[in-house]
Amino acid sequence: MPTPQALLKQIARIQDMERGALCRMSAGPYYNHQRWLGGRNLVRYVPKAQLPALRAAIAGYRKFRRLTDAYAELIIRRSRQRRVSATASAPKPKKIPARPKNRKN
């Protein structure tokens, strides 16, 4: 299991990122880059010369998301463990005896 510091180092090494996906157009070897922006699908044509760099940037963003999810999971687990251990080591409160009910005969 990696440490949070190791995950942060891996995240820092990611140099290029881009959201979205590459979609091959039906006519020829052309591609569109699709991504969501402001609640809308933004589509732009990608020249062939830019395909390798854009593919690498999209892969960088996917790696970033995977690593940040793993980092968050580690921190969440550690936080839960701290809360559980703090609860277990805390003194238990004294039970207050119930007051007898006042019965009228």
C-alpha atoms as a PDB file:
ATOM      1  CA  MET A   1       0.000   0.000   0.000  1.00  0.00           C
ATOM      2  CA  PRO A   2       1.524   3.325  -1.030  1.00  0.00           C
ATOM      3  CA  THR A   3       1.904   6.134   1.460  1.00  0.00           C
ATOM      4  CA  PRO A   4       0.146   9.480   1.007  1.00  0.00           C
ATOM      5  CA  GLN A   5       3.539  11.124   0.404  1.00  0.00           C
ATOM      6  CA  ALA A   6       4.364   8.618  -2.357  1.00  0.00           C
ATOM      7  CA  LEU A   7       1.036   9.318  -4.052  1.00  0.00           C
ATOM      8  CA  LEU A   8       1.635  13.066  -3.873  1.00  0.00           C
ATOM      9  CA  LYS A   9       5.057  12.618  -5.486  1.00  0.00           C
ATOM     10  CA  GLN A  10       3.488  10.626  -8.329  1.00  0.00           C
ATOM     11  CA  ILE A  11       0.841  13.319  -8.794  1.00  0.00           C
ATOM     12  CA  ALA A  12       3.527  16.027  -8.932  1.00  0.00           C
ATOM     13  CA  ARG A  13       5.332  14.176 -11.727  1.00  0.00           C
ATOM     14  CA  ILE A  14       2.337  14.452 -14.098  1.00  0.00           C
ATOM     15  CA  GLN A  15       3.273  17.185 -16.559  1.00  0.00           C
ATOM     16  CA  ASP A  16       0.370  17.245 -19.041  1.00  0.00           C
ATOM     17  CA  MET A  17      -3.340  16.807 -18.460  1.00  0.00           C
ATOM     18  CA  GLU A  18      -6.484  17.249 -20.505  1.00  0.00           C
ATOM     19  CA  ARG A  19     -10.064  16.318 -19.730  1.00  0.00           C
ATOM     20  CA  GLY A  20     -12.233  14.548 -22.246  1.00  0.00           C
ATOM     21  CA  ALA A  21     -11.966  11.823 -24.821  1.00  0.00           C
ATOM     22  CA  LEU A  22     -10.754  11.365 -28.360  1.00  0.00           C
ATOM     23  CA  CYS A  23     -13.425  10.164 -30.749  1.00  0.00           C
ATOM     24  CA  ARG A  24     -12.655   8.923 -34.223  1.00  0.00           C
ATOM     25  CA  MET A  25     -14.771  10.563 -36.881  1.00  0.00           C
ATOM     26  CA  SER A  26     -16.572   8.288 -39.315  1.00  0.00           C
ATOM     27  CA  ALA A  27     -14.980   9.851 -42.394  1.00  0.00           C
ATOM     28  CA  GLY A  28     -11.263   9.058 -42.575  1.00  0.00           C
ATOM     29  CA  PRO A  29      -8.514   9.099 -39.957  1.00  0.00           C
ATOM     30  CA  TYR A  30      -9.767  12.235 -38.238  1.00  0.00           C
ATOM     31  CA  TYR A  31     -10.444  12.735 -34.538  1.00  0.00           C
ATOM     32  CA  ASN A  32     -12.498  15.042 -32.371  1.00  0.00           C
ATOM     33  CA  HIS A  33     -11.688  15.937 -28.803  1.00  0.00           C
ATOM     34  CA  GLN A  34     -14.847  15.944 -26.687  1.00  0.00           C
ATOM     35  CA  ARG A  35     -15.150  17.323 -23.172  1.00  0.00           C
ATOM     36  CA  TRP A  36     -17.776  18.818 -20.898  1.00  0.00           C
ATOM     37  CA  LEU A  37     -17.549  22.533 -20.223  1.00  0.00           C
ATOM     38  CA  GLY A  38     -20.226  24.539 -18.466  1.00  0.00           C
ATOM     39  CA  GLY A  39     -22.755  21.715 -18.700  1.00  0.00           C
ATOM     40  CA  ARG A  40     -22.294  21.343 -22.452  1.00  0.00           C
ATOM     41  CA  ASN A  41     -20.338  18.962 -24.643  1.00  0.00           C
ATOM     42  CA  LEU A  42     -17.542  20.918 -26.301  1.00  0.00           C
ATOM     43  CA  VAL A  43     -16.153  19.307 -29.460  1.00  0.00           C
ATOM     44  CA  ARG A  44     -13.123  20.396 -31.427  1.00  0.00           C
ATOM     45  CA  TYR A  45     -11.242  18.914 -34.349  1.00  0.00           C
ATOM     46  CA  VAL A  46      -7.771  17.592 -33.559  1.00  0.00           C
ATOM     47  CA  PRO A  47      -5.075  17.811 -36.243  1.00  0.00           C
ATOM     48  CA  LYS A  48      -3.192  14.553 -36.793  1.00  0.00           C
ATOM     49  CA  ALA A  49       0.080  16.091 -35.580  1.00  0.00           C
ATOM     50  CA  GLN A  50      -1.474  16.829 -32.146  1.00  0.00           C
ATOM     51  CA  LEU A  51      -2.933  13.337 -31.551  1.00  0.00           C
ATOM     52  CA  PRO A  52       0.027  11.795 -29.656  1.00  0.00           C
ATOM     53  CA  ALA A  53       0.368  14.749 -27.287  1.00  0.00           C
ATOM     54  CA  LEU A  54      -3.373  14.920 -26.662  1.00  0.00           C
ATOM     55  CA  ARG A  55      -3.566  11.163 -26.006  1.00  0.00           C
ATOM     56  CA  ALA A  56      -0.740  11.512 -23.466  1.00  0.00           C
ATOM     57  CA  ALA A  57      -2.454  14.497 -21.803  1.00  0.00           C
ATOM     58  CA  ILE A  58      -5.762  12.605 -21.516  1.00  0.00           C
ATOM     59  CA  ALA A  59      -3.889   9.631 -20.025  1.00  0.00           C
ATOM     60  CA  GLY A  60      -2.184  12.050 -17.598  1.00  0.00           C
ATOM     61  CA  TYR A  61      -5.547  13.339 -16.406  1.00  0.00           C
ATOM     62  CA  ARG A  62      -6.878   9.797 -15.922  1.00  0.00           C
ATOM     63  CA  LYS A  63      -3.770   8.925 -13.909  1.00  0.00           C
ATOM     64  CA  PHE A  64      -4.225  12.102 -11.859  1.00  0.00           C
ATOM     65  CA  ARG A  65      -7.833  11.142 -11.044  1.00  0.00           C
ATOM     66  CA  ARG A  66      -6.828   7.591 -10.098  1.00  0.00           C
ATOM     67  CA  LEU A  67      -4.023   8.815  -7.837  1.00  0.00           C
ATOM     68  CA  THR A  68      -6.117  11.510  -6.156  1.00  0.00           C
ATOM     69  CA  ASP A  69      -8.881   8.958  -5.490  1.00  0.00           C
ATOM     70  CA  ALA A  70      -6.302   6.627  -3.925  1.00  0.00           C
ATOM     71  CA  TYR A  71      -4.884   9.511  -1.854  1.00  0.00           C
ATOM     72  CA  ALA A  72      -8.336  10.480  -0.624  1.00  0.00           C
ATOM     73  CA  GLU A  73      -9.092   6.869   0.314  1.00  0.00           C
ATOM     74  CA  LEU A  74      -5.886   6.627   2.376  1.00  0.00           C
ATOM     75  CA  ILE A  75      -6.626   9.861   4.221  1.00  0.00           C
ATOM     76  CA  ILE A  76     -10.236   8.813   4.849  1.00  0.00           C
ATOM     77  CA  ARG A  77      -9.096   5.464   6.295  1.00  0.00           C
ATOM     78  CA  ARG A  78      -6.560   7.190   8.525  1.00  0.00           C
ATOM     79  CA  SER A  79      -9.193   9.674   9.735  1.00  0.00           C
ATOM     80  CA  ARG A  80     -11.605   6.854  10.559  1.00  0.00           C
ATOM     81  CA  GLN A  81      -8.916   4.974  12.451  1.00  0.00           C
ATOM     82  CA  ARG A  82      -8.121   8.064  14.516  1.00  0.00           C
ATOM     83  CA  ARG A  83     -11.787   8.577  15.382  1.00  0.00           C
ATOM     84  CA  VAL A  84     -12.236   4.927  16.352  1.00  0.00           C
ATOM     85  CA  SER A  85      -9.083   4.826  18.469  1.00  0.00           C
ATOM     86  CA  ALA A  86      -9.988   8.143  20.132  1.00  0.00           C
ATOM     87  CA  THR A  87     -13.424   6.787  20.979  1.00  0.00           C
ATOM     88  CA  ALA A  88     -11.989   3.527  22.310  1.00  0.00           C
ATOM     89  CA  SER A  89      -9.452   5.249  24.575  1.00  0.00           C
ATOM     90  CA  ALA A  90     -11.852   7.899  25.887  1.00  0.00           C
ATOM     91  CA  PRO A  91     -13.301   7.248  29.329  1.00  0.00           C
ATOM     92  CA  LYS A  92     -16.808   5.916  29.226  1.00  0.00           C
ATOM     93  CA  PRO A  93     -19.409   8.222  30.721  1.00  0.00           C
ATOM     94  CA  LYS A  94     -21.000   7.175  33.983  1.00  0.00           C
ATOM     95  CA  LYS A  95     -24.501   5.834  33.787  1.00  0.00           C
ATOM     96  CA  ILE A  96     -26.979   8.016  35.562  1.00  0.00           C
ATOM     97  CA  PRO A  97     -29.543   5.924  37.400  1.00  0.00           C
ATOM     98  CA  ALA A  98     -33.084   6.392  36.269  1.00  0.00           C
ATOM     99  CA  ARG A  99     -35.311   8.313  38.645  1.00  0.00           C
ATOM    100  CA  PRO A 100     -38.061   6.228  40.106  1.00  0.00           C
ATOM    101  CA  LYS A 101     -41.462   7.016  38.741  1.00  0.00           C
ATOM    102  CA  ASN A 102     -43.786   8.725  41.150  1.00  0.00           C
ATOM    103  CA  ARG A 103     -46.817   6.446  41.488  1.00  0.00           C
ATOM    104  CA  LYS A 104     -50.070   7.713  42.848  1.00  0.00           C
ATOM    105  CA  ASN A 105     -52.282   5.153  44.596  1.00  0.00           C
END
